[in-house]
N, C-alpha and C. Protein backbone atom coordinates (compact mmCIF):
# COMPACT_ATOMS: atom_id res chain seq x y z
N MET A 1 -160.89 18.01 201.29
CA MET A 1 -161.68 18.25 200.10
C MET A 1 -163.53 17.35 199.86
N ARG A 2 -164.22 17.31 199.84
CA ARG A 2 -165.73 17.22 199.94
C ARG A 2 -165.79 16.63 198.48
N ILE A 3 -165.53 15.18 198.03
CA ILE A 3 -166.21 15.53 196.61
C ILE A 3 -167.66 14.48 196.41
N SER A 4 -168.37 15.50 195.33
CA SER A 4 -170.20 14.47 195.80
C SER A 4 -169.91 13.15 194.82
N LYS A 5 -170.62 12.85 195.10
CA LYS A 5 -171.61 11.70 194.50
C LYS A 5 -171.18 11.74 193.37
N ARG A 6 -171.54 12.44 192.87
CA ARG A 6 -171.95 12.37 191.34
C ARG A 6 -170.61 12.45 190.37
N ILE A 7 -170.01 13.13 191.26
CA ILE A 7 -168.04 13.43 190.18
C ILE A 7 -167.37 11.93 190.74
N ARG A 8 -168.13 11.24 192.31
CA ARG A 8 -167.28 10.06 191.89
C ARG A 8 -167.61 8.97 190.72
N GLU A 9 -168.53 9.04 191.40
CA GLU A 9 -169.24 7.94 190.02
C GLU A 9 -169.01 8.39 188.69
N ILE A 10 -168.16 9.52 187.93
CA ILE A 10 -168.05 10.00 186.93
C ILE A 10 -166.90 9.83 187.29
N GLU A 11 -166.37 9.45 187.65
CA GLU A 11 -164.63 9.22 188.10
C GLU A 11 -164.11 7.16 188.06
N LYS A 12 -165.39 6.87 188.37
CA LYS A 12 -164.89 5.61 188.17
C LYS A 12 -165.41 4.88 186.39
N LEU A 13 -166.13 5.79 185.27
CA LEU A 13 -166.26 5.18 184.37
C LEU A 13 -165.20 5.79 183.47
N ILE A 14 -163.79 6.68 184.04
CA ILE A 14 -162.99 6.77 183.32
C ILE A 14 -162.01 5.44 182.80
N PRO A 15 -161.59 5.16 182.14
CA PRO A 15 -161.10 3.84 181.87
C PRO A 15 -158.76 4.42 182.42
N GLN A 16 -159.23 3.28 182.84
CA GLN A 16 -157.24 3.58 183.64
C GLN A 16 -156.31 3.77 181.97
N ASN A 17 -155.10 5.14 182.50
CA ASN A 17 -154.21 4.98 181.43
C ASN A 17 -154.99 6.03 180.67
N SER A 18 -155.84 6.81 181.28
CA SER A 18 -156.04 8.32 180.36
C SER A 18 -155.98 9.31 180.37
N ILE A 19 -155.58 10.35 179.00
CA ILE A 19 -155.41 11.90 179.39
C ILE A 19 -156.81 12.72 179.31
N VAL A 20 -157.08 13.10 180.28
CA VAL A 20 -158.74 13.15 180.13
C VAL A 20 -158.93 14.77 180.29
N ALA A 21 -159.47 15.18 179.60
CA ALA A 21 -160.13 16.47 179.56
C ALA A 21 -161.56 17.08 180.21
N ASP A 22 -161.73 17.33 181.31
CA ASP A 22 -162.79 17.97 181.58
C ASP A 22 -163.31 19.22 181.27
N ILE A 23 -164.48 19.50 181.14
CA ILE A 23 -164.82 20.67 180.82
C ILE A 23 -165.88 21.43 181.00
N GLY A 24 -165.55 22.80 182.05
CA GLY A 24 -166.15 22.93 183.16
C GLY A 24 -165.44 22.31 184.50
N CYS A 25 -164.41 22.68 185.00
CA CYS A 25 -163.82 21.49 185.42
C CYS A 25 -164.12 22.60 186.99
N ASP A 26 -164.29 23.16 187.79
CA ASP A 26 -164.12 23.81 188.71
C ASP A 26 -163.15 24.32 189.72
N HIS A 27 -163.79 23.19 190.66
CA HIS A 27 -162.87 23.07 191.68
C HIS A 27 -161.76 22.06 190.68
N ALA A 28 -160.95 21.21 189.92
CA ALA A 28 -160.65 20.31 189.51
C ALA A 28 -160.78 19.15 190.23
N TYR A 29 -162.11 18.97 190.80
CA TYR A 29 -162.16 17.22 191.88
C TYR A 29 -161.77 16.02 191.15
N LEU A 30 -162.63 16.53 190.08
CA LEU A 30 -162.71 15.18 189.00
C LEU A 30 -161.38 14.52 188.76
N CYS A 31 -160.70 15.73 188.27
CA CYS A 31 -158.88 15.51 187.53
C CYS A 31 -158.48 15.30 189.07
N THR A 32 -158.42 15.70 190.30
CA THR A 32 -157.91 15.15 191.48
C THR A 32 -157.78 13.56 191.59
N LEU A 33 -159.46 13.74 191.34
CA LEU A 33 -159.41 11.82 191.68
C LEU A 33 -158.94 11.12 190.45
N ALA A 34 -159.42 11.86 189.75
CA ALA A 34 -158.44 10.80 188.24
C ALA A 34 -157.52 10.29 188.40
N VAL A 35 -156.22 11.31 188.80
CA VAL A 35 -154.79 11.33 188.67
C VAL A 35 -154.48 10.76 190.49
N LEU A 36 -155.31 10.58 191.30
CA LEU A 36 -154.80 9.98 192.15
C LEU A 36 -155.44 8.21 192.76
N HIS A 37 -155.81 8.20 192.10
CA HIS A 37 -156.48 7.04 191.35
C HIS A 37 -156.00 6.13 191.01
N GLY A 38 -154.90 6.21 189.75
CA GLY A 38 -154.06 5.97 188.76
C GLY A 38 -155.57 6.06 187.11
N LYS A 39 -156.35 6.62 187.52
CA LYS A 39 -157.06 6.03 186.26
C LYS A 39 -156.31 7.08 185.06
N ALA A 40 -156.11 8.29 185.55
CA ALA A 40 -155.91 9.04 184.26
C ALA A 40 -153.84 9.88 184.63
N VAL A 41 -153.20 9.15 183.77
CA VAL A 41 -151.99 9.90 183.63
C VAL A 41 -151.32 11.41 183.59
N LYS A 42 -152.70 11.78 183.13
CA LYS A 42 -152.92 13.13 182.93
C LYS A 42 -154.20 13.84 182.46
N CYS A 43 -154.48 15.33 183.16
CA CYS A 43 -156.03 15.74 183.23
C CYS A 43 -155.46 16.95 182.88
N TYR A 44 -156.41 17.10 182.26
CA TYR A 44 -156.28 18.97 181.62
C TYR A 44 -158.10 19.63 182.57
N ALA A 45 -157.96 20.35 182.78
CA ALA A 45 -159.05 20.76 184.01
C ALA A 45 -159.53 22.59 183.22
N CYS A 46 -160.05 22.50 182.14
CA CYS A 46 -161.13 23.38 181.38
C CYS A 46 -161.48 24.20 181.97
N ASP A 47 -161.61 25.45 181.56
CA ASP A 47 -163.39 26.58 182.35
C ASP A 47 -162.74 27.66 180.92
N ILE A 48 -163.90 27.56 180.81
CA ILE A 48 -164.35 29.27 180.53
C ILE A 48 -164.26 30.40 180.88
N ALA A 49 -163.79 30.57 182.34
CA ALA A 49 -164.05 31.37 182.81
C ALA A 49 -162.76 31.21 183.98
N GLN A 50 -162.21 32.33 184.56
CA GLN A 50 -160.55 32.78 184.80
C GLN A 50 -160.84 32.11 186.26
N GLY A 51 -162.55 32.24 186.74
CA GLY A 51 -162.34 32.40 188.35
C GLY A 51 -162.77 30.96 188.76
N PRO A 52 -163.05 30.28 188.19
CA PRO A 52 -163.36 28.87 188.34
C PRO A 52 -161.78 27.58 188.38
N LEU A 53 -161.15 28.81 187.44
CA LEU A 53 -160.31 28.30 186.91
C LEU A 53 -158.27 28.14 188.08
N GLU A 54 -158.94 29.54 188.52
CA GLU A 54 -158.03 29.44 189.84
C GLU A 54 -158.71 28.71 190.70
N ASN A 55 -159.79 28.62 190.83
CA ASN A 55 -159.94 27.55 192.72
C ASN A 55 -159.31 25.79 191.62
N ALA A 56 -159.56 25.70 190.24
CA ALA A 56 -159.35 25.13 189.83
C ALA A 56 -157.05 24.73 190.55
N LYS A 57 -156.79 25.84 190.57
CA LYS A 57 -155.31 25.93 190.25
C LYS A 57 -154.84 25.77 191.97
N ARG A 58 -155.88 26.47 192.85
CA ARG A 58 -155.60 26.33 194.35
C ARG A 58 -155.28 24.62 194.80
N THR A 59 -156.43 23.54 194.13
CA THR A 59 -156.78 22.75 194.87
C THR A 59 -155.73 21.72 193.67
N ILE A 60 -155.09 22.30 192.61
CA ILE A 60 -153.56 21.43 191.74
C ILE A 60 -152.88 21.32 193.09
N ARG A 61 -152.10 22.93 193.50
CA ARG A 61 -151.03 23.28 193.72
C ARG A 61 -151.22 22.60 195.70
N GLU A 62 -152.52 23.11 196.05
CA GLU A 62 -152.39 21.91 197.59
C GLU A 62 -152.80 20.63 197.41
N MET A 63 -152.80 19.65 196.79
CA MET A 63 -152.22 18.14 195.92
C MET A 63 -151.12 18.03 195.38
N ASN A 64 -150.58 18.86 195.58
CA ASN A 64 -149.12 18.86 194.88
C ASN A 64 -149.72 17.87 193.24
N LEU A 65 -150.09 18.15 192.48
CA LEU A 65 -149.75 17.67 191.56
C LEU A 65 -149.83 18.45 189.57
N GLU A 66 -149.18 19.64 190.42
CA GLU A 66 -149.18 20.28 188.62
C GLU A 66 -148.14 19.61 187.85
N ASP A 67 -147.58 18.33 187.79
CA ASP A 67 -147.00 17.64 187.12
C ASP A 67 -147.96 16.53 186.07
N ARG A 68 -149.40 16.75 187.12
CA ARG A 68 -149.86 15.84 186.06
C ARG A 68 -151.37 16.89 185.65
N ILE A 69 -151.72 17.59 186.52
CA ILE A 69 -152.81 18.33 185.96
C ILE A 69 -152.98 19.67 185.64
N PHE A 70 -153.38 20.43 184.67
CA PHE A 70 -153.06 21.46 183.47
C PHE A 70 -154.00 22.23 183.48
N PRO A 71 -154.42 23.45 184.71
CA PRO A 71 -155.31 24.77 183.86
C PRO A 71 -155.64 24.61 182.75
N VAL A 72 -156.90 24.77 181.98
CA VAL A 72 -156.27 25.01 180.54
C VAL A 72 -157.70 25.92 180.80
N LEU A 73 -157.48 27.69 179.29
CA LEU A 73 -158.43 28.43 179.88
C LEU A 73 -159.44 27.75 178.16
N SER A 74 -160.07 27.41 178.23
CA SER A 74 -160.93 27.07 176.96
C SER A 74 -162.49 27.56 176.69
N ASP A 75 -162.42 27.75 176.09
CA ASP A 75 -164.43 27.54 175.39
C ASP A 75 -164.23 26.45 175.31
N GLY A 76 -164.93 25.80 175.64
CA GLY A 76 -165.41 24.50 175.43
C GLY A 76 -163.98 23.48 175.40
N LEU A 77 -164.64 22.93 174.13
CA LEU A 77 -162.96 21.62 173.47
C LEU A 77 -161.85 22.88 173.16
N GLU A 78 -162.06 24.79 172.83
CA GLU A 78 -161.37 24.85 171.26
C GLU A 78 -159.41 25.29 171.90
N HIS A 79 -159.73 25.06 173.32
CA HIS A 79 -158.29 25.00 173.71
C HIS A 79 -157.54 23.84 174.00
N VAL A 80 -158.04 22.74 173.99
CA VAL A 80 -158.16 21.00 174.84
C VAL A 80 -157.09 20.65 173.58
N PRO A 81 -155.95 19.96 174.98
CA PRO A 81 -154.73 19.59 173.62
C PRO A 81 -155.00 18.56 173.04
N ALA A 82 -154.15 18.20 172.13
CA ALA A 82 -154.48 17.60 171.16
C ALA A 82 -154.55 16.25 171.63
N ASP A 83 -153.16 15.49 172.91
CA ASP A 83 -153.21 14.33 173.32
C ASP A 83 -154.35 13.89 174.35
N ALA A 84 -155.22 14.23 174.64
CA ALA A 84 -156.63 14.21 175.84
C ALA A 84 -156.90 13.28 174.85
N ASN A 85 -157.39 11.95 175.06
CA ASN A 85 -158.25 10.88 174.65
C ASN A 85 -159.78 10.72 174.69
N VAL A 86 -160.19 10.90 176.27
CA VAL A 86 -161.18 11.29 176.95
C VAL A 86 -162.06 11.95 177.43
N CYS A 87 -162.80 12.69 177.00
CA CYS A 87 -163.86 13.96 177.41
C CYS A 87 -164.74 14.21 178.44
N VAL A 88 -164.67 14.68 178.91
CA VAL A 88 -166.19 14.84 180.53
C VAL A 88 -166.61 16.07 180.59
N ILE A 89 -167.33 16.19 180.24
CA ILE A 89 -168.47 17.11 180.06
C ILE A 89 -169.69 17.01 180.76
N SER A 90 -169.85 17.85 182.39
CA SER A 90 -171.41 17.57 182.74
C SER A 90 -171.87 18.90 184.00
N GLY A 91 -172.69 19.28 183.89
CA GLY A 91 -173.02 20.34 185.44
C GLY A 91 -174.03 20.65 183.76
N MET A 92 -173.96 20.51 182.59
CA MET A 92 -174.73 22.20 182.19
C MET A 92 -175.97 21.77 181.69
N GLY A 93 -176.68 22.50 180.92
CA GLY A 93 -177.98 21.94 179.93
C GLY A 93 -177.58 21.35 179.31
N PHE A 94 -178.62 20.82 177.96
CA PHE A 94 -177.98 20.01 176.97
C PHE A 94 -178.17 21.51 175.65
N ASP A 95 -178.88 22.24 175.49
CA ASP A 95 -178.02 23.26 174.98
C ASP A 95 -176.80 23.43 175.25
N THR A 96 -176.09 23.86 176.11
CA THR A 96 -175.42 24.52 176.66
C THR A 96 -174.51 23.48 175.56
N LEU A 97 -174.59 21.90 176.45
CA LEU A 97 -174.16 20.85 175.90
C LEU A 97 -173.84 20.60 174.49
N LYS A 98 -174.82 20.33 174.01
CA LYS A 98 -174.78 20.00 172.19
C LYS A 98 -174.39 21.42 171.82
N LYS A 99 -173.94 22.66 172.31
CA LYS A 99 -173.65 23.88 171.31
C LYS A 99 -171.68 23.06 171.94
N ILE A 100 -171.47 22.80 172.18
CA ILE A 100 -170.11 22.75 172.25
C ILE A 100 -169.54 21.52 171.94
N LEU A 101 -170.02 20.82 171.63
CA LEU A 101 -170.23 19.33 171.26
C LEU A 101 -170.12 20.02 169.39
N GLU A 102 -171.02 20.30 168.83
CA GLU A 102 -171.60 20.79 167.86
C GLU A 102 -169.98 21.45 166.79
N LYS A 103 -169.26 22.40 167.80
CA LYS A 103 -168.40 23.01 167.51
C LYS A 103 -166.96 22.99 166.83
N HIS A 104 -166.48 20.92 167.64
CA HIS A 104 -165.48 20.75 167.37
C HIS A 104 -165.33 19.69 166.71
N ASP A 105 -164.51 18.75 166.15
CA ASP A 105 -164.52 17.99 165.80
C ASP A 105 -163.96 16.95 167.28
N LEU A 106 -164.56 15.93 166.98
CA LEU A 106 -164.01 14.86 168.51
C LEU A 106 -163.77 13.87 168.10
N ASP A 107 -163.31 13.67 167.37
CA ASP A 107 -162.65 12.19 166.52
C ASP A 107 -161.22 12.18 167.52
N GLN A 108 -160.43 13.10 167.98
CA GLN A 108 -160.08 12.36 169.03
C GLN A 108 -159.95 12.24 170.04
N PHE A 109 -161.42 11.80 170.60
CA PHE A 109 -161.25 11.31 171.99
C PHE A 109 -162.28 9.74 171.52
N GLU A 110 -161.12 8.96 172.56
CA GLU A 110 -161.49 7.59 172.48
C GLU A 110 -163.45 7.13 173.65
N MET A 111 -163.27 8.35 173.74
CA MET A 111 -164.30 8.17 175.59
C MET A 111 -165.24 10.32 174.93
N LEU A 112 -166.73 9.66 175.30
CA LEU A 112 -167.18 10.97 175.88
C LEU A 112 -167.85 10.61 177.11
N ILE A 113 -167.83 11.06 178.27
CA ILE A 113 -168.69 10.77 179.46
C ILE A 113 -169.33 12.09 179.74
N LEU A 114 -170.76 12.46 179.93
CA LEU A 114 -171.51 13.03 179.43
C LEU A 114 -172.48 13.41 180.78
N GLN A 115 -172.38 14.17 180.75
CA GLN A 115 -173.83 14.19 182.15
C GLN A 115 -174.52 15.49 182.05
N ILE A 116 -175.66 15.65 181.21
CA ILE A 116 -176.47 16.82 182.23
C ILE A 116 -177.90 17.29 182.49
N ASN A 117 -178.76 17.74 183.48
CA ASN A 117 -178.99 18.30 183.45
C ASN A 117 -180.42 18.71 183.29
N GLY A 118 -181.08 17.37 183.29
CA GLY A 118 -182.38 17.49 182.48
C GLY A 118 -182.14 17.26 181.72
N ASP A 119 -183.14 16.44 180.14
CA ASP A 119 -184.00 16.46 178.97
C ASP A 119 -182.12 15.06 178.28
N VAL A 120 -181.48 13.84 179.57
CA VAL A 120 -181.49 12.77 178.77
C VAL A 120 -182.42 12.56 177.72
N TYR A 121 -182.92 12.33 177.11
CA TYR A 121 -183.61 12.00 176.30
C TYR A 121 -183.66 12.71 175.06
N ASP A 122 -183.39 14.13 175.00
CA ASP A 122 -182.73 14.75 173.45
C ASP A 122 -181.54 14.46 173.69
N LEU A 123 -180.64 13.62 174.56
CA LEU A 123 -178.74 13.88 174.44
C LEU A 123 -178.77 12.46 173.38
N ARG A 124 -179.60 11.60 174.26
CA ARG A 124 -179.24 9.99 173.54
C ARG A 124 -179.25 10.32 172.08
N LYS A 125 -181.33 11.27 171.53
CA LYS A 125 -181.19 11.29 170.30
C LYS A 125 -179.82 11.73 169.87
N TRP A 126 -179.23 12.94 170.49
CA TRP A 126 -178.43 13.35 169.61
C TRP A 126 -177.34 12.56 169.18
N ILE A 127 -177.18 11.78 170.66
CA ILE A 127 -175.38 11.06 170.43
C ILE A 127 -176.20 10.00 169.27
N ILE A 128 -177.01 8.87 168.66
CA ILE A 128 -176.91 8.35 168.12
C ILE A 128 -177.71 8.80 166.52
N ALA A 129 -177.85 9.52 167.18
CA ALA A 129 -177.64 10.70 165.58
C ALA A 129 -176.71 11.19 164.96
N HIS A 130 -175.13 10.76 165.65
CA HIS A 130 -174.03 12.02 165.02
C HIS A 130 -172.79 11.28 165.46
N ASP A 131 -173.12 9.55 165.01
CA ASP A 131 -172.14 8.35 164.79
C ASP A 131 -171.74 8.15 165.36
N MET A 132 -172.38 7.38 167.34
CA MET A 132 -171.58 7.41 168.33
C MET A 132 -172.60 6.78 168.99
N LYS A 133 -172.26 6.21 169.30
CA LYS A 133 -173.37 5.03 170.30
C LYS A 133 -173.09 5.36 171.67
N ILE A 134 -174.02 4.90 173.08
CA ILE A 134 -173.38 5.08 174.41
C ILE A 134 -173.58 3.11 174.70
N THR A 135 -171.99 3.49 175.27
CA THR A 135 -172.02 1.82 176.40
C THR A 135 -172.42 1.58 177.39
N ASP A 136 -172.61 3.15 178.34
CA ASP A 136 -172.96 2.06 179.61
C ASP A 136 -173.79 4.03 179.92
N GLU A 137 -174.38 3.52 180.97
CA GLU A 137 -175.22 4.47 181.30
C GLU A 137 -175.66 4.02 183.10
N ARG A 138 -175.47 5.14 183.78
CA ARG A 138 -175.47 5.23 185.50
C ARG A 138 -176.36 6.65 185.86
N ILE A 139 -176.75 5.98 186.84
CA ILE A 139 -178.25 7.06 187.70
C ILE A 139 -177.75 7.19 189.18
N ILE A 140 -177.92 8.35 189.24
CA ILE A 140 -177.34 8.47 190.64
C ILE A 140 -178.67 9.20 191.58
N HIS A 141 -178.25 9.26 192.65
CA HIS A 141 -179.27 10.41 193.84
C HIS A 141 -179.11 11.32 194.92
N GLU A 142 -178.51 11.69 194.21
CA GLU A 142 -177.68 13.42 194.88
C GLU A 142 -179.11 14.75 195.46
N GLY A 143 -179.95 14.31 195.95
CA GLY A 143 -180.29 15.61 196.03
C GLY A 143 -181.54 15.79 194.71
N HIS A 144 -180.71 15.56 193.83
CA HIS A 144 -181.54 15.22 192.24
C HIS A 144 -181.13 14.04 191.15
N TYR A 145 -182.11 13.89 190.64
CA TYR A 145 -181.44 12.84 189.81
C TYR A 145 -180.05 13.10 188.55
N TYR A 146 -179.24 11.75 188.77
CA TYR A 146 -178.12 12.63 187.53
C TYR A 146 -178.61 11.07 186.60
N THR A 147 -178.26 11.60 185.10
CA THR A 147 -178.17 10.34 184.53
C THR A 147 -176.42 11.11 184.22
N ILE A 148 -175.72 10.05 183.37
CA ILE A 148 -173.95 9.85 183.41
C ILE A 148 -174.27 8.54 182.00
N LEU A 149 -173.70 9.25 181.22
CA LEU A 149 -173.09 8.47 179.98
C LEU A 149 -172.03 8.72 179.25
N VAL A 150 -172.22 7.65 179.28
CA VAL A 150 -169.99 6.81 178.52
C VAL A 150 -170.73 6.68 176.78
N CYS A 151 -170.40 7.69 175.95
CA CYS A 151 -170.36 7.09 175.00
C CYS A 151 -169.00 7.06 173.54
N GLN A 152 -168.83 6.28 173.02
CA GLN A 152 -168.03 6.31 171.78
C GLN A 152 -168.16 6.04 170.36
N HIS A 153 -167.36 6.44 170.26
CA HIS A 153 -167.98 6.14 168.28
C HIS A 153 -167.85 5.14 167.78
N GLY A 154 -169.19 5.34 166.78
CA GLY A 154 -170.01 3.99 166.67
C GLY A 154 -171.33 3.84 166.21
N HIS A 155 -172.13 3.20 166.23
CA HIS A 155 -173.91 3.03 165.53
C HIS A 155 -174.09 1.72 166.52
N ASP A 156 -175.90 2.59 166.62
CA ASP A 156 -176.84 1.82 167.19
C ASP A 156 -177.73 1.94 167.30
N HIS A 157 -178.78 1.32 167.13
CA HIS A 157 -179.94 1.08 166.89
C HIS A 157 -180.65 1.32 168.17
N TYR A 158 -182.08 2.73 168.52
CA TYR A 158 -182.40 2.53 169.27
C TYR A 158 -184.07 2.81 169.07
N THR A 159 -184.52 1.71 169.63
CA THR A 159 -186.30 2.29 169.71
C THR A 159 -186.54 3.61 170.55
N GLU A 160 -187.39 4.20 170.23
CA GLU A 160 -188.39 5.60 171.36
C GLU A 160 -187.81 5.03 173.14
N GLU A 161 -188.49 3.92 173.54
CA GLU A 161 -188.38 3.40 174.82
C GLU A 161 -186.63 3.02 174.95
N ASP A 162 -186.15 3.22 173.80
CA ASP A 162 -184.49 3.68 174.54
C ASP A 162 -184.34 4.66 174.84
N TYR A 163 -184.84 5.64 174.05
CA TYR A 163 -183.97 6.35 174.00
C TYR A 163 -184.83 7.14 175.57
N ILE A 164 -185.99 6.69 176.07
CA ILE A 164 -186.76 7.02 177.17
C ILE A 164 -185.86 6.43 178.46
N PHE A 165 -185.27 5.58 178.54
CA PHE A 165 -185.60 4.38 179.70
C PHE A 165 -183.53 4.66 179.17
N GLY A 166 -183.08 4.56 178.26
CA GLY A 166 -181.87 3.58 178.10
C GLY A 166 -181.34 2.48 177.92
N LYS A 167 -180.11 1.87 177.49
CA LYS A 167 -180.57 0.45 177.40
C LYS A 167 -179.71 -0.32 178.38
N TYR A 168 -178.93 0.66 179.36
CA TYR A 168 -177.92 -0.07 180.37
C TYR A 168 -178.73 0.24 182.08
N LEU A 169 -180.04 0.88 182.03
CA LEU A 169 -179.83 1.76 183.47
C LEU A 169 -181.72 0.61 184.29
N GLN A 170 -180.70 0.38 185.35
CA GLN A 170 -181.55 -0.37 186.51
C GLN A 170 -181.34 -0.61 187.62
N GLY A 171 -181.87 -1.46 188.42
CA GLY A 171 -181.39 -1.24 189.68
C GLY A 171 -182.59 -0.67 190.32
N ASP A 172 -182.51 -0.28 191.95
CA ASP A 172 -183.00 0.94 193.12
C ASP A 172 -183.12 2.14 192.29
N THR A 173 -182.49 2.98 192.05
CA THR A 173 -182.99 3.87 191.11
C THR A 173 -183.34 4.85 190.72
N PHE A 174 -182.76 3.96 189.90
CA PHE A 174 -183.82 3.71 188.64
C PHE A 174 -185.20 4.12 188.62
N GLN A 175 -185.27 2.57 189.40
CA GLN A 175 -186.81 2.63 190.04
C GLN A 175 -187.91 3.78 190.48
N ASP A 176 -186.80 4.08 191.44
CA ASP A 176 -186.94 5.27 192.10
C ASP A 176 -187.32 6.42 191.15
N TYR A 177 -185.87 6.92 190.78
CA TYR A 177 -186.65 8.12 189.23
C TYR A 177 -187.78 7.71 188.75
N TRP A 178 -188.08 6.73 188.17
CA TRP A 178 -189.47 6.56 187.36
C TRP A 178 -190.72 6.49 188.04
N LYS A 179 -191.10 5.58 189.49
CA LYS A 179 -191.49 6.29 190.33
C LYS A 179 -192.06 7.91 190.48
N PHE A 180 -191.00 8.58 190.65
CA PHE A 180 -190.70 9.88 190.78
C PHE A 180 -191.36 10.67 189.69
N ARG A 181 -190.65 10.30 188.52
CA ARG A 181 -191.69 10.68 186.94
C ARG A 181 -192.53 10.50 187.15
N LYS A 182 -193.31 9.01 187.54
CA LYS A 182 -194.45 8.50 187.46
C LYS A 182 -195.74 9.26 188.28
N GLN A 183 -195.05 10.24 189.26
CA GLN A 183 -195.85 10.84 189.74
C GLN A 183 -196.07 12.09 189.15
N LYS A 184 -194.73 12.57 189.19
CA LYS A 184 -195.17 14.08 188.31
C LYS A 184 -196.32 13.95 187.02
N ILE A 185 -196.15 12.82 186.32
CA ILE A 185 -196.83 12.95 185.53
C ILE A 185 -197.91 12.93 186.10
N GLN A 186 -198.91 11.92 186.77
CA GLN A 186 -199.84 11.72 187.11
C GLN A 186 -200.59 13.13 187.72
N GLU A 187 -199.86 14.42 188.34
CA GLU A 187 -199.95 15.40 188.58
C GLU A 187 -200.00 15.60 187.84
N ILE A 188 -199.55 15.98 187.14
CA ILE A 188 -199.46 16.92 185.45
C ILE A 188 -201.08 16.42 185.19
N LEU A 189 -201.03 15.60 185.05
CA LEU A 189 -202.72 14.35 184.00
C LEU A 189 -203.94 15.80 185.10
N GLN A 190 -204.08 15.72 186.16
CA GLN A 190 -205.01 16.63 187.06
C GLN A 190 -205.80 17.90 186.94
N MET A 191 -203.82 18.05 186.02
CA MET A 191 -204.06 19.79 185.93
C MET A 191 -204.54 19.62 183.91
N LEU A 192 -204.00 19.13 183.61
CA LEU A 192 -204.50 19.55 182.25
C LEU A 192 -205.25 19.75 181.48
N HIS A 193 -206.05 20.55 180.61
CA HIS A 193 -207.05 20.09 179.84
C HIS A 193 -206.60 19.74 178.71
N ASP A 194 -205.88 19.93 177.74
CA ASP A 194 -205.61 19.59 176.51
C ASP A 194 -204.77 18.30 175.96
N SER A 195 -206.19 17.65 174.77
CA SER A 195 -206.46 16.72 175.19
C SER A 195 -205.02 15.92 174.17
N LYS A 196 -204.25 16.46 173.30
CA LYS A 196 -203.03 16.19 172.66
C LYS A 196 -201.83 15.65 173.96
N GLN A 197 -202.10 16.74 174.91
CA GLN A 197 -200.95 16.60 176.09
C GLN A 197 -200.79 15.57 176.28
N THR A 198 -202.43 15.24 176.99
CA THR A 198 -202.91 14.25 178.21
C THR A 198 -202.75 13.24 177.41
N ASP A 199 -203.24 12.57 176.24
CA ASP A 199 -202.25 12.21 174.95
C ASP A 199 -201.57 11.71 175.30
N GLU A 200 -200.48 11.97 175.34
CA GLU A 200 -199.00 12.44 175.55
C GLU A 200 -198.67 11.24 176.73
N LEU A 201 -199.02 12.20 178.12
CA LEU A 201 -198.82 11.84 178.70
C LEU A 201 -199.25 10.62 179.71
N THR A 202 -200.35 10.13 178.83
CA THR A 202 -201.28 8.84 179.45
C THR A 202 -200.21 7.29 178.61
N HIS A 203 -199.91 7.91 177.83
CA HIS A 203 -199.22 6.68 176.70
C HIS A 203 -197.88 6.62 177.79
N LEU A 204 -197.19 7.70 177.78
CA LEU A 204 -195.69 7.43 178.61
C LEU A 204 -195.70 7.06 179.41
N LEU A 205 -197.03 7.17 180.29
CA LEU A 205 -197.57 6.74 181.57
C LEU A 205 -197.56 4.87 181.22
N LYS A 206 -197.81 4.49 180.43
CA LYS A 206 -198.29 2.63 180.02
C LYS A 206 -197.42 2.26 180.06
N MET A 207 -196.07 3.55 179.39
CA MET A 207 -194.60 2.52 179.58
C MET A 207 -194.03 2.45 180.42
N ILE A 208 -193.96 3.91 181.46
CA ILE A 208 -193.31 3.76 182.58
C ILE A 208 -193.89 2.06 183.05
N GLN A 209 -195.28 2.40 183.06
CA GLN A 209 -195.56 0.82 184.02
C GLN A 209 -194.82 -0.38 183.67
N ARG A 210 -195.10 -0.88 182.30
CA ARG A 210 -194.56 -1.83 181.09
C ARG A 210 -192.86 -1.95 181.47
N LYS A 211 -192.53 -0.79 182.04
CA LYS A 211 -190.84 -0.64 181.42
C LYS A 211 -190.56 -0.87 182.80
N THR A 212 -191.30 -0.76 184.21
CA THR A 212 -190.81 -0.85 185.94
C THR A 212 -192.06 -1.67 186.86
N GLY A 213 -192.83 -2.24 185.71
CA GLY A 213 -193.66 -2.60 186.36
C GLY A 213 -194.64 -2.57 187.61
N ALA A 214 -194.68 -1.19 187.73
CA ALA A 214 -194.83 -0.40 188.93
C ALA A 214 -196.13 0.95 188.22
């Protein structure tokens, strides 16, 4: 069973003795890892489509975890059992994730662990605007850069710089990501003729340089 670096990093963020709902579970690898490592006492492997759910069922049977991991056919959070207290949603775009979160009451969850493909700025803004706070973030590189957010109920104040860079990210991967972004912005600036967009990107470049020292 080959488990990606991204899934391994998400599993590390799950608190001990959790009951996890993994939305968009694919092969139920996250649930399997969380149960085997003693992080989750129970997992719901949830997916909107029957195909991925069959993959999940196969993994659950192969690992003899039918008494700990339960496949659930669910459109987002619609059929997630009420005892789940940690929700993981990963590998989606921001618009899809937002639709899932906005359609359902999130009060049952003590923690949300969220990872989207791009638009992390927009996700941070959405979280802070919806009576939640970000308590941890991780960034990893695995072919692409992935940012993982840990969210809980509460309030926090964010500056524009916080929305762009996050409050908790640092280290070599963080520096590498923003070097990558800086190079892309510089390439775009060489092709731009729109003065407004040029000003915005030049301002962002200056913020990156202040934040990373690069």
